[in-house]
Each structure stands twice: as structure tokens, then as C-alpha cells.
């Protein structure tokens, strides 16, 4: 065997050292298809990188891209950045400033982004950079679909003007991140099957709207600007969060809430239209929902017996107008159930409004209110009257017509597909199963990080159709590909076992 000389050993160490410190500086336009591969990683931007129309930049799984100065990657062609579950592509925005990636003049549907990590404080990416008076000759089109991405301490925005483009982000996590549909008339955004923590989501003035679909949000603020900016929540759970006014006036919405649950989450939109359907609200503060006009149907709101559940200002933007409809709903365990400050026309029917310590309903508007065919917690007229504040308490206000009141608690579930949530209590830890009924996608919020948790789902024959162990996430989601019907879910946590009915529709 030949001996390794000192020179040979030096050469070997030099090769190993150079390999260990391989890195690539990147800048300028790329006029042909280019691949950033793992062998050249990390890629350090020393200037703006530009991908022209008709050219693709492909980034391999595991590549790291560093932004140590305020540079950007401009995509007018295509970006193909697909990591995987074990080797995500990492974008490190180590300095504030422009977005790491900006898409302009391109068909967004031709780009692919999955299994990525964006780390701020630099902004992650944006669609275009237009305004009403500075517009691109060729606008973005198509939908930019992004999946399995973690955003940390960064920002995502749509900045096009009256384009046909859209942004869809699925199966992703947002930590301390701002999601912005920018003023004015910028593209719509949809967040789907994702989790948001300590973040901000803003549909700014004139923005085409933001949809929150089957998401969980905690300590997150959602807001709308003026003039058509809007939010829609579908089968989502908001915890310790807020929905509030953004910039511009008037903030008219609408904000739509369907088959969702808000836990200790307030909505304060005194000039906007709010539409709640098949949703549940639990709050622990001075108020739950404040809005101008809209609907509250097949829904439930309850508090801590000290706050006001729903306050109606009667406004439609700057003016008093538009109707308010309450039906097939439950409003209970508050100080004041419904507080009406102004009104155009309000109808309240077929609902349970009871056990509110001060007033079930208070009318301080000059309008007469129709509130017939409701259960007020009692069949005694004097008892009902004592919890209603109107003209007969102060002649400056309108009358509440509560005639034809019900003698028993209304079974509102027979009148509409009411969302119900199975609440489990394991060692006094609130565990929520929602939505229920559902379409096979089941969400569980353990309240805190679970300990030794396992989940089983049985059909009515006692057969196990789903099973998992060692759940360590506070928010857990799974899907059942089964026919509609009744099932039983078993949750083991903290050495306790709880069962709940699970309805697949």
C-alpha cells in the first residue's frame, strides 16, 4: 500500500474544504433556462436576478437562497421551485426591503412553488407592483398556486391593478407574517388548509378580497379597508383573534362567515355588512360582534354573562340603511344579547334569546323592531318583558314587538344545517372537534399541546376506520373518505378518554 504523502494529504483536505464551502453568487438576467442545483447551494444574491419571458428558473430541493442585501428575483418567465418534505427550498431574507420574489408580466399558472421556507424580515413575494397611475403594459394572469410553505416574520402581497390573476396558498403555516391584498383593486387571495399564528391578514381598500378556507388562526388580526374590500371565512377556527377596520372609509365589507367557529375572537366593523351562517361564537370580554347590517342565521353566540353579544349600529357605510335579519339562532349567556343602536329594518325570528343577565334585547333606536316567534327563556310575559328594553322603558326609543313568543326552547337544528362543535373536556382542557357535521375533513383543537394523544374513529358497527397515535400538534386535521352518516370518534389525551358523535354529510 502506498503511503499518503504530506502533499497528497494537503490536496485531499483542500478538496474537502472547497467542497464544504461551495457557494454561488447570483445576479443579473438569465436569458436561457437555468437550474440552481444543490451542488451550488447556497446561492447568494449580489444583485437583482431577472428571469425574462419564455425562460424558466428551476430550483432543486434543498437549495438555500440568501438575500444579504436588498436584491430581488424578478420573474417574468417561470419559477419552478419544488422542494420536498425532507429537503425544503429555503429563502433567507436577512435584511428588510423589497420582496425576495416579484412576479410581473407573466402567466402565474406556469410557475410551481411547493415545500419552501421563507424567513424574514425581508418580504417573501408579491404579485406585480402597480398602482392606478403606474401600470404594467402586460399584466399578470392565471393563478399562482403555492403549497406546503412555512412563512416566518415576513410579508406576502398582491400588488397588481385590475388583473385577472389570483393567489392560492394551501397547506401552509404563517408565523408572524403579514398577508396583504394591497390598495387599490389588487388580486384576490385564498388561504386554504393552513395555520396562522401571530399574523395579520388585510384586505386593503378596493382589494378583491381574501378567502380563509378550512384554516386555523390564533392571535391573528384580520381587517378590511374601504370600498369593497372583503373577507370570507369557510369552515375555519379563529382563536384569540380579531376582525377589525383597516384604512379608508367607509368599511362596508362584506365579511362572510360560514360553518366556522370563533373562540374569544371579536368582530368590530360598525359600518360593514356581516353575514354569519351555521357558525359558533364564544367570547370572553366586553363584546362579541359589532356590525352595521347583515344576517345572523343558523348560528350561536355566547359569552361570560358580562358582555354584549351583538351590537347593531344600523349603518351601511356612512348611512343608516339595509336590513338586519336574525333567524334560527341562539344568543345566550351574555349581559346583553342584542343591542340595537340604529336600525333601518330588523327582523328577529325563530331563535333562542335567553339567559342574558341584563337584557335579552335592547333597542335604543327610534325604529320599531319585529322580534316575534322567539324563545326568551320563559313563557311568562312579565318575565320576558323584564329582559326587553324599548319604548316602554324610554319613550324616545322604538317598540320591540315580541308577540307570539314560544313556550319552549326552539329546536333550530331542524330548520337549517346548523354547525355544531363537539366539546370534549380532558383534565379541564377544552378540546374542540369541528365542523360537525362536516364533509370528511375533521379538525381538532386540543386547547394546548396534547400529551400522549391518540385518535380513533369507529363506524356504527364498531369497526375502526381511522387511527393515529402520538399526536403532538395542538391543531390536528385528518380526512375520512367514507359515505355520509354517523360515526364515533375516540380521543385519548392526558390519560383520559372521551367520545363524541361525528356526522359526515
Protein backbone atom coordinates (compact mmCIF):
# COMPACT_ATOMS: atom_id res chain seq x y z
CA UNK A 1 0.00 0.00 0.00
CA UNK A 2 1.32 3.42 -0.97
CA UNK A 3 1.90 5.90 1.78
CA UNK A 4 -0.07 9.14 1.72
CA UNK A 5 2.46 11.93 1.44
CA UNK A 6 2.05 15.25 3.19
CA UNK A 7 1.38 16.90 -0.18
CA UNK A 8 -1.31 14.36 -1.06
CA UNK A 9 -2.97 14.83 2.31
CA UNK A 10 -2.92 18.62 1.81
CA UNK A 11 -4.55 18.29 -1.61
CA UNK A 12 -7.25 15.97 -0.23
CA UNK A 13 -8.02 18.35 2.64
CA UNK A 14 -8.12 21.27 0.23
CA UNK A 15 -10.64 19.49 -1.97
CA UNK A 16 -12.80 18.57 1.02
CA UNK A 17 -12.59 22.13 2.33
CA UNK A 18 -13.53 23.67 -1.02
CA UNK A 19 -16.45 21.27 -1.35
CA UNK A 20 -17.67 22.06 2.15
CA UNK A 21 -17.66 25.79 1.40
CA UNK A 22 -19.16 25.66 -2.10
CA UNK A 23 -21.44 28.59 -2.75
CA UNK A 24 -22.68 30.51 -5.77
CA UNK A 25 -23.07 34.23 -6.26
CA UNK A 26 -26.07 35.13 -8.43
CA UNK A 27 -27.12 38.31 -10.18
CA UNK A 28 -28.30 39.71 -13.50
CA UNK A 29 -30.66 38.44 -16.20
CA UNK A 30 -30.75 34.78 -17.29
CA UNK A 31 -31.63 34.51 -20.97
CA UNK A 32 -31.80 30.70 -21.10
CA UNK A 33 -33.36 28.08 -18.87
CA UNK A 34 -31.30 27.77 -15.71
CA UNK A 35 -31.18 25.35 -12.78
CA UNK A 36 -29.93 26.21 -9.33
CA UNK A 37 -28.84 22.82 -8.07
CA UNK A 38 -27.95 21.53 -4.64
CA UNK A 39 -24.28 21.26 -5.52
CA UNK A 40 -24.10 25.03 -5.98
CA UNK A 41 -26.01 25.87 -2.83
CA UNK A 42 -26.19 28.27 -1.09
CA UNK A 43 -26.94 30.91 -3.74
CA UNK A 44 -26.10 34.41 -2.55
CA UNK A 45 -27.70 37.30 -4.40
CA UNK A 46 -25.14 40.01 -5.13
CA UNK A 47 -27.53 41.86 -7.43
CA UNK A 48 -31.07 41.57 -8.78
CA UNK A 49 -31.78 38.30 -10.61
CA UNK A 50 -34.10 38.56 -13.64
CA UNK A 51 -35.95 35.77 -15.47
CA UNK A 52 -37.35 37.09 -18.80
CA UNK A 53 -40.49 35.92 -20.60
CA UNK A 54 -40.13 32.42 -22.02
CA UNK A 55 -37.33 31.47 -19.62
CA UNK A 56 -37.58 29.15 -16.60
CA UNK A 57 -35.57 29.19 -13.38
CA UNK A 58 -35.63 25.75 -11.73
CA UNK A 59 -34.55 25.45 -8.09
CA UNK A 60 -33.77 21.98 -6.76
CA UNK A 61 -34.93 20.63 -3.42
CA UNK A 62 -32.69 21.56 -0.51
CA UNK A 63 -31.24 24.70 -2.12
CA UNK A 64 -30.68 27.70 0.16
CA UNK A 65 -31.01 31.22 -1.29
CA UNK A 66 -29.62 34.12 0.75
CA UNK A 67 -30.63 37.78 0.47
CA UNK A 68 -27.98 39.65 2.47
CA UNK A 69 -28.60 42.92 0.64
CA UNK A 70 -31.80 44.44 -0.75
CA UNK A 71 -31.99 42.49 -4.01
CA UNK A 72 -34.87 40.61 -5.63
CA UNK A 73 -35.66 37.81 -8.05
CA UNK A 74 -37.87 39.20 -10.84
CA UNK A 75 -39.96 36.53 -12.57
CA UNK A 76 -41.38 37.47 -15.97
CA UNK A 77 -40.96 33.90 -17.16
CA UNK A 78 -41.45 30.86 -14.91
CA UNK A 79 -40.22 29.84 -11.48
CA UNK A 80 -40.14 26.09 -10.76
CA UNK A 81 -39.19 25.75 -7.10
CA UNK A 82 -40.30 22.40 -5.68
CA UNK A 83 -38.70 21.15 -2.53
CA UNK A 84 -39.90 18.11 -0.67
CA UNK A 85 -40.94 17.16 2.84
CA UNK A 86 -37.37 16.47 4.00
CA UNK A 87 -35.50 18.97 1.81
CA UNK A 88 -37.39 22.27 1.52
CA UNK A 89 -36.04 25.16 -0.51
CA UNK A 90 -35.05 27.92 1.92
CA UNK A 91 -35.21 31.66 1.22
CA UNK A 92 -33.38 33.69 3.86
CA UNK A 93 -34.32 37.36 3.72
CA UNK A 94 -31.74 38.65 6.14
CA UNK A 95 -32.44 42.34 5.53
CA UNK A 96 -35.57 44.50 5.25
CA UNK A 97 -36.59 45.88 1.90
CA UNK A 98 -38.04 44.66 -1.39
CA UNK A 99 -39.70 41.28 -1.80
CA UNK A 100 -37.43 38.31 -2.35
CA UNK A 101 -39.53 37.34 -5.40
CA UNK A 102 -41.73 39.53 -7.58
CA UNK A 103 -43.89 38.23 -10.45
CA UNK A 104 -44.58 40.60 -13.35
CA UNK A 105 -45.98 40.31 -16.89
CA UNK A 106 -46.41 36.55 -16.64
CA UNK A 107 -48.93 33.74 -16.58
CA UNK A 108 -48.68 32.71 -12.94
CA UNK A 109 -50.18 29.28 -13.65
CA UNK A 110 -46.91 28.27 -15.31
CA UNK A 111 -44.90 28.65 -12.09
CA UNK A 112 -44.68 25.99 -9.36
CA UNK A 113 -43.81 26.59 -5.71
CA UNK A 114 -44.01 23.89 -3.05
CA UNK A 115 -42.22 22.82 0.12
CA UNK A 116 -40.50 26.13 0.75
CA UNK A 117 -39.40 28.18 3.75
CA UNK A 118 -39.42 31.98 3.66
CA UNK A 119 -37.60 33.63 6.56
CA UNK A 120 -37.79 37.39 7.02
CA UNK A 121 -37.60 40.19 7.86
CA UNK A 122 -37.42 40.71 4.08
CA UNK A 123 -40.77 40.35 2.30
CA UNK A 124 -41.35 36.90 0.82
CA UNK A 125 -43.01 37.61 -2.54
CA UNK A 126 -45.54 39.79 -4.29
CA UNK A 127 -47.64 39.84 -7.44
CA UNK A 128 -46.69 42.86 -9.58
CA UNK A 129 -46.02 46.40 -8.34
CA UNK A 130 -48.75 48.50 -9.93
CA UNK A 131 -50.91 51.42 -8.96
CA UNK A 132 -53.83 53.15 -10.66
CA UNK A 133 -51.46 55.54 -12.43
CA UNK A 134 -48.43 53.28 -12.93
CA UNK A 135 -49.47 50.05 -14.65
CA UNK A 136 -47.64 47.26 -16.47
CA UNK A 137 -48.10 47.03 -20.23
CA UNK A 138 -48.61 43.27 -19.80
CA UNK A 139 -50.39 42.25 -16.64
CA UNK A 140 -50.12 39.05 -14.64
CA UNK A 141 -52.72 36.39 -15.41
CA UNK A 142 -53.60 32.93 -14.11
CA UNK A 143 -53.36 31.63 -10.56
CA UNK A 144 -50.15 31.34 -8.57
CA UNK A 145 -50.65 28.11 -6.58
CA UNK A 146 -48.33 27.62 -3.62
CA UNK A 147 -48.37 24.69 -1.20
CA UNK A 148 -46.57 23.37 1.87
CA UNK A 149 -44.75 26.57 2.70
CA UNK A 150 -43.64 28.00 6.05
CA UNK A 151 -43.61 31.79 6.30
CA UNK A 152 -41.80 33.33 9.29
CA UNK A 153 -41.53 37.04 10.09
CA UNK A 154 -42.23 38.11 6.52
CA UNK A 155 -44.90 39.52 4.18
CA UNK A 156 -46.93 38.33 1.18
CA UNK A 157 -48.85 40.75 -1.00
CA UNK A 158 -50.82 41.14 -4.19
CA UNK A 159 -49.94 44.46 -5.83
CA UNK A 160 -51.43 44.23 -9.32
CA UNK A 161 -54.12 46.61 -10.57
CA UNK A 162 -57.31 45.18 -12.09
CA UNK A 163 -55.64 42.00 -13.31
CA UNK A 164 -57.21 38.57 -13.85
CA UNK A 165 -54.60 36.92 -11.62
CA UNK A 166 -55.18 35.23 -8.26
CA UNK A 167 -53.07 33.87 -5.39
CA UNK A 168 -53.78 30.49 -3.75
CA UNK A 169 -51.75 29.24 -0.77
CA UNK A 170 -52.52 25.76 0.62
CA UNK A 171 -51.30 23.52 3.44
CA UNK A 172 -49.00 26.20 4.78
CA UNK A 173 -48.02 27.81 8.06
CA UNK A 174 -47.80 31.55 8.73
CA UNK A 175 -45.79 32.74 11.74
CA UNK A 176 -45.71 36.48 12.50
CA UNK A 177 -46.43 37.16 8.84
CA UNK A 178 -48.48 39.83 7.05
CA UNK A 179 -50.79 38.79 4.22
CA UNK A 180 -51.89 41.84 2.24
CA UNK A 181 -54.26 42.47 -0.63
CA UNK A 182 -52.83 45.91 -1.37
CA UNK A 183 -54.68 49.12 -2.30
CA UNK A 184 -56.13 49.53 -4.90
CA UNK A 185 -58.00 46.81 -6.84
CA UNK A 186 -55.39 44.15 -6.25
CA UNK A 187 -55.77 40.42 -6.82
CA UNK A 188 -57.79 38.14 -4.57
CA UNK A 189 -56.04 35.80 -2.12
CA UNK A 190 -57.17 32.39 -0.86
CA UNK A 191 -55.58 30.70 2.15
CA UNK A 192 -56.64 27.07 2.34
CA UNK A 193 -55.99 24.25 4.82
CA UNK A 194 -53.43 26.39 6.61
CA UNK A 195 -52.46 27.59 10.10
CA UNK A 196 -51.80 31.20 11.08
CA UNK A 197 -50.10 32.33 14.29
CA UNK A 198 -49.49 35.90 15.46
CA UNK A 199 -50.09 37.21 11.97
CA UNK A 200 -52.04 39.93 10.14
CA UNK A 201 -54.38 39.45 7.19
CA UNK A 202 -55.59 42.63 5.48
CA UNK A 203 -57.91 43.13 2.54
CA UNK A 204 -56.95 46.74 1.90
CA UNK A 205 -59.18 49.35 0.27
CA UNK A 206 -60.65 48.21 -3.08
CA UNK A 207 -58.88 44.83 -2.83
CA UNK A 208 -60.81 41.99 -4.50
CA UNK A 209 -60.96 40.05 -1.23
CA UNK A 210 -59.36 37.33 0.90
CA UNK A 211 -60.84 33.87 1.49
CA UNK A 212 -59.91 31.86 4.60
CA UNK A 213 -60.90 28.27 3.83
CA UNK A 214 -60.58 25.49 6.40
CA UNK A 215 -57.86 27.31 8.32
CA UNK A 216 -56.96 27.73 11.97
CA UNK A 217 -55.79 31.15 13.15
CA UNK A 218 -54.52 32.07 16.61
CA UNK A 219 -53.61 35.55 17.87
CA UNK A 220 -54.15 36.86 14.37
CA UNK A 221 -55.80 40.09 13.24
CA UNK A 222 -57.98 40.22 10.13
CA UNK A 223 -59.01 43.59 8.73
CA UNK A 224 -60.77 45.23 5.80
CA UNK A 225 -60.30 48.62 4.18
CA UNK A 226 -62.92 50.64 2.40
CA UNK A 227 -64.82 50.34 -0.81
CA UNK A 228 -65.48 46.68 -1.41
CA UNK A 229 -62.56 45.14 0.48
CA UNK A 230 -63.89 41.89 1.90
CA UNK A 231 -63.19 38.73 3.88
CA UNK A 232 -64.78 35.30 3.73
CA UNK A 233 -64.31 32.55 6.33
CA UNK A 234 -65.24 28.99 5.39
CA UNK A 235 -65.04 26.09 7.86
CA UNK A 236 -62.36 27.89 9.84
CA UNK A 237 -61.46 28.30 13.51
CA UNK A 238 -60.25 31.63 14.91
CA UNK A 239 -58.81 31.66 18.44
CA UNK A 240 -57.92 34.77 20.47
CA UNK A 241 -58.04 36.82 17.29
CA UNK A 242 -59.75 39.96 15.98
CA UNK A 243 -61.58 41.18 12.89
CA UNK A 244 -61.37 44.94 12.65
CA UNK A 245 -61.31 48.03 10.43
CA UNK A 246 -58.34 48.86 8.23
CA UNK A 247 -57.66 52.04 6.27
CA UNK A 248 -60.06 54.22 4.29
CA UNK A 249 -63.76 54.92 4.72
CA UNK A 250 -66.34 53.58 4.70
CA UNK A 251 -65.52 49.96 5.54
CA UNK A 252 -68.62 48.23 4.16
CA UNK A 253 -67.38 44.67 3.56
CA UNK A 254 -68.97 42.26 3.30
CA UNK A 255 -67.48 39.82 5.79
CA UNK A 256 -68.97 36.35 5.34
CA UNK A 257 -68.65 33.64 7.99
CA UNK A 258 -69.85 30.12 7.14
CA UNK A 259 -69.58 26.92 9.16
CA UNK A 260 -66.84 28.39 11.31
CA UNK A 261 -66.02 28.80 14.98
CA UNK A 262 -64.68 31.93 16.66
CA UNK A 263 -63.27 31.40 20.16
CA UNK A 264 -62.62 34.59 22.10
CA UNK A 265 -62.42 36.35 18.75
CA UNK A 266 -64.08 39.75 18.39
CA UNK A 267 -65.51 41.38 15.28
CA UNK A 268 -65.63 45.19 15.30
CA UNK A 269 -66.93 46.52 11.96
CA UNK A 270 -69.57 49.13 12.84
CA UNK A 271 -70.18 50.24 9.23
CA UNK A 272 -69.94 46.89 7.45
CA UNK A 273 -72.23 44.13 6.31
CA UNK A 274 -71.62 40.84 8.12
CA UNK A 275 -73.23 37.56 7.14
CA UNK A 276 -72.99 34.62 9.56
CA UNK A 277 -74.38 31.24 8.63
CA UNK A 278 -74.03 27.97 10.57
CA UNK A 279 -71.29 29.32 12.80
CA UNK A 280 -70.48 29.40 16.52
CA UNK A 281 -69.04 32.31 18.51
CA UNK A 282 -67.72 32.12 22.07
CA UNK A 283 -66.25 35.27 23.60
CA UNK A 284 -64.88 36.26 26.98
CA UNK A 285 -64.85 40.04 27.01
CA UNK A 286 -66.94 43.18 26.71
CA UNK A 287 -68.35 42.38 23.27
CA UNK A 288 -68.57 39.70 20.62
CA UNK A 289 -69.77 41.14 17.29
CA UNK A 290 -70.31 44.76 16.27
CA UNK A 291 -71.54 45.40 12.74
CA UNK A 292 -73.74 47.70 10.71
CA UNK A 293 -76.12 45.38 8.90
CA UNK A 294 -76.36 41.82 7.62
CA UNK A 295 -77.62 38.41 8.68
CA UNK A 296 -77.16 36.04 11.59
CA UNK A 297 -78.67 32.72 10.63
CA UNK A 298 -78.31 29.19 12.00
CA UNK A 299 -75.61 30.48 14.33
CA UNK A 300 -74.88 30.71 18.03
CA UNK A 301 -73.11 33.26 20.22
CA UNK A 302 -72.46 33.06 23.94
CA UNK A 303 -70.27 34.96 26.39
CA UNK A 304 -69.31 35.19 30.04
CA UNK A 305 -72.53 36.86 31.27
CA UNK A 306 -70.88 40.30 31.36
CA UNK A 307 -70.52 41.44 27.73
CA UNK A 308 -72.75 42.36 24.80
CA UNK A 309 -73.07 39.55 22.28
CA UNK A 310 -74.15 41.52 19.21
CA UNK A 311 -74.33 45.28 18.71
CA UNK A 312 -76.12 46.59 15.61
CA UNK A 313 -75.26 50.13 14.53
CA UNK A 314 -77.66 50.07 11.58
CA UNK A 315 -75.11 51.67 9.27
CA UNK A 316 -74.42 50.85 5.66
CA UNK A 317 -71.20 52.75 5.20
CA UNK A 318 -71.94 56.38 6.00
CA UNK A 319 -75.72 55.96 6.04
CA UNK A 320 -78.33 54.19 8.09
CA UNK A 321 -79.70 51.57 5.75
CA UNK A 322 -80.03 47.95 4.71
CA UNK A 323 -81.85 45.33 6.71
CA UNK A 324 -80.73 43.03 9.51
CA UNK A 325 -82.13 39.50 9.79
CA UNK A 326 -81.74 37.12 12.73
CA UNK A 327 -83.23 33.66 12.34
CA UNK A 328 -82.84 30.12 13.65
CA UNK A 329 -80.07 31.16 16.02
CA UNK A 330 -79.15 31.07 19.70
CA UNK A 331 -77.92 34.06 21.72
CA UNK A 332 -77.33 33.25 25.36
CA UNK A 333 -75.17 33.71 28.47
CA UNK A 334 -74.34 37.37 27.92
CA UNK A 335 -75.14 40.60 29.74
CA UNK A 336 -76.98 41.95 26.67
CA UNK A 337 -77.95 39.59 23.88
CA UNK A 338 -78.74 42.02 21.02
CA UNK A 339 -78.10 45.76 21.38
CA UNK A 340 -79.67 47.88 18.62
CA UNK A 341 -78.30 51.42 18.36
CA UNK A 342 -79.76 52.33 14.95
CA UNK A 343 -81.93 50.47 12.52
CA UNK A 344 -83.50 50.56 9.12
CA UNK A 345 -85.47 47.35 9.38
CA UNK A 346 -84.65 44.45 11.71
CA UNK A 347 -86.36 41.07 11.84
CA UNK A 348 -85.64 38.57 14.63
CA UNK A 349 -87.47 35.24 14.50
CA UNK A 350 -87.39 31.53 15.30
CA UNK A 351 -84.46 31.98 17.65
CA UNK A 352 -83.48 31.30 21.26
CA UNK A 353 -82.52 34.52 23.04
CA UNK A 354 -82.27 33.80 26.74
CA UNK A 355 -80.18 33.73 29.91
CA UNK A 356 -78.71 37.17 29.19
CA UNK A 357 -78.33 38.78 32.61
CA UNK A 358 -79.28 42.41 31.82
CA UNK A 359 -81.38 42.33 28.64
CA UNK A 360 -82.09 39.72 26.04
CA UNK A 361 -82.61 42.60 23.61
CA UNK A 362 -82.21 46.37 23.94
CA UNK A 363 -83.50 48.89 21.41
CA UNK A 364 -82.12 52.43 21.65
CA UNK A 365 -83.04 53.28 18.05
CA UNK A 366 -86.19 55.15 17.04
CA UNK A 367 -87.37 52.26 14.87
CA UNK A 368 -89.87 49.60 15.87
CA UNK A 369 -88.35 46.12 15.87
CA UNK A 370 -90.05 42.85 14.88
CA UNK A 371 -88.97 40.06 17.23
CA UNK A 372 -91.78 37.53 17.04
CA UNK A 373 -91.75 33.74 17.36
CA UNK A 374 -88.74 33.51 19.66
CA UNK A 375 -87.94 31.71 22.91
CA UNK A 376 -86.97 34.20 25.62
CA UNK A 377 -86.18 31.76 28.40
CA UNK A 378 -89.66 31.93 29.85
CA UNK A 379 -93.31 31.59 28.87
CA UNK A 380 -94.32 34.34 31.33
CA UNK A 381 -95.00 37.71 29.69
CA UNK A 382 -93.81 39.72 32.70
CA UNK A 383 -90.55 37.79 32.87
CA UNK A 384 -89.97 38.27 29.14
CA UNK A 385 -90.77 41.97 29.39
CA UNK A 386 -88.25 42.46 32.20
CA UNK A 387 -85.42 41.46 29.86
CA UNK A 388 -86.54 43.72 26.98
CA UNK A 389 -85.59 47.40 26.83
CA UNK A 390 -87.55 49.63 24.43
CA UNK A 391 -90.18 52.39 24.22
CA UNK A 392 -91.83 51.22 27.42
CA UNK A 393 -88.62 51.97 29.30
CA UNK A 394 -87.85 55.20 27.44
CA UNK A 395 -90.34 56.85 25.08
CA UNK A 396 -87.50 58.19 22.90
CA UNK A 397 -86.98 54.67 21.52
CA UNK A 398 -88.95 52.29 19.31
CA UNK A 399 -91.12 49.36 20.36
CA UNK A 400 -89.96 45.74 20.26
CA UNK A 401 -92.80 43.50 19.13
CA UNK A 402 -92.09 40.15 20.82
CA UNK A 403 -95.60 38.69 20.39
CA UNK A 404 -96.24 35.04 19.51
CA UNK A 405 -93.34 34.11 21.73
CA UNK A 406 -92.50 30.44 22.02
CA UNK A 407 -93.22 28.38 25.12
CA UNK A 408 -90.17 26.16 24.78
CA UNK A 409 -86.61 26.20 23.55
CA UNK A 410 -86.65 26.24 19.75
CA UNK A 411 -85.08 23.23 18.03
CA UNK A 412 -83.24 25.28 15.43
CA UNK A 413 -81.30 22.28 14.11
CA UNK A 414 -84.46 21.11 12.33
CA UNK A 415 -84.71 24.37 10.38
CA UNK A 416 -81.19 24.65 8.98
CA UNK A 417 -77.88 22.77 8.72
CA UNK A 418 -76.55 24.23 11.96
CA UNK A 419 -72.87 23.85 12.66
CA UNK A 420 -72.26 22.09 15.94
CA UNK A 421 -69.00 21.58 17.73
CA UNK A 422 -68.32 18.63 19.94
CA UNK A 423 -66.62 19.98 23.05
CA UNK A 424 -64.55 17.48 24.99
CA UNK A 425 -63.09 18.20 28.41
CA UNK A 426 -60.00 16.21 29.25
CA UNK A 427 -58.49 17.25 32.59
CA UNK A 428 -60.37 20.55 32.20
CA UNK A 429 -58.63 21.14 28.88
CA UNK A 430 -61.11 22.26 26.23
CA UNK A 431 -60.85 20.12 23.12
CA UNK A 432 -62.92 21.12 20.09
CA UNK A 433 -63.96 18.92 17.19
CA UNK A 434 -65.18 20.99 14.23
CA UNK A 435 -67.01 21.45 11.96
CA UNK A 436 -69.58 18.86 12.86
CA UNK A 437 -71.34 17.90 10.56
CA UNK A 438 -68.51 18.01 8.01
CA UNK A 439 -67.63 16.68 4.58
CA UNK A 440 -64.99 14.28 5.84
CA UNK A 441 -62.36 16.86 6.75
CA UNK A 442 -62.08 16.83 10.55
CA UNK A 443 -60.32 19.44 12.69
CA UNK A 444 -59.32 19.01 16.32
CA UNK A 445 -58.11 21.81 18.59
CA UNK A 446 -56.72 20.31 21.79
CA UNK A 447 -56.55 23.69 23.54
CA UNK A 448 -52.93 23.03 24.50
CA UNK A 449 -50.21 20.79 23.11
CA UNK A 450 -51.52 17.23 23.57
CA UNK A 451 -49.71 14.67 25.69
CA UNK A 452 -49.73 11.03 24.57
CA UNK A 453 -52.77 11.63 22.40
CA UNK A 454 -54.32 9.07 20.09
CA UNK A 455 -57.41 9.23 17.89
CA UNK A 456 -59.75 6.52 16.65
CA UNK A 457 -62.88 6.78 14.51
CA UNK A 458 -65.46 3.96 14.51
CA UNK A 459 -68.42 3.29 12.27
CA UNK A 460 -71.74 2.22 13.76
CA UNK A 461 -70.64 -1.42 13.51
CA UNK A 462 -67.72 -0.74 15.84
CA UNK A 463 -65.08 -1.07 13.12
CA UNK A 464 -62.07 1.26 13.30
CA UNK A 465 -61.96 3.31 10.09
CA UNK A 466 -59.24 5.76 11.15
CA UNK A 467 -56.49 5.57 13.76
CA UNK A 468 -53.42 7.57 14.68
CA UNK A 469 -51.10 7.76 17.68
CA UNK A 470 -48.65 10.17 19.27
CA UNK A 471 -50.33 13.37 18.10
CA UNK A 472 -48.10 16.25 19.20
CA UNK A 473 -49.74 19.20 17.43
CA UNK A 474 -52.28 21.43 19.17
CA UNK A 475 -54.20 21.65 15.89
CA UNK A 476 -54.70 18.32 14.15
CA UNK A 477 -56.51 17.67 10.89
CA UNK A 478 -57.39 14.50 9.01
CA UNK A 479 -59.72 13.39 6.22
CA UNK A 480 -62.16 10.49 6.07
CA UNK A 481 -63.09 9.07 2.69
CA UNK A 482 -66.33 7.48 3.83
CA UNK A 483 -70.00 7.70 2.97
CA UNK A 484 -72.28 10.10 4.80
CA UNK A 485 -73.63 9.00 8.15
CA UNK A 486 -72.94 8.79 11.88
CA UNK A 487 -69.52 7.86 13.28
CA UNK A 488 -67.93 7.85 16.74
CA UNK A 489 -64.59 9.49 17.48
CA UNK A 490 -62.46 8.50 20.46
CA UNK A 491 -59.72 10.78 21.76
CA UNK A 492 -57.20 9.67 24.36
CA UNK A 493 -55.25 12.50 25.95
CA UNK A 494 -53.78 13.16 29.41
CA UNK A 495 -54.60 9.54 30.29
CA UNK A 496 -58.29 10.34 29.79
CA UNK A 497 -60.64 9.04 27.10
CA UNK A 498 -63.52 11.00 25.58
CA UNK A 499 -66.06 10.06 22.89
CA UNK A 500 -68.10 12.25 20.55
CA UNK A 501 -70.52 11.78 17.68
CA UNK A 502 -69.11 12.67 14.28
CA UNK A 503 -71.51 13.35 11.41
CA UNK A 504 -70.32 13.11 7.81
CA UNK A 505 -72.67 14.82 5.38
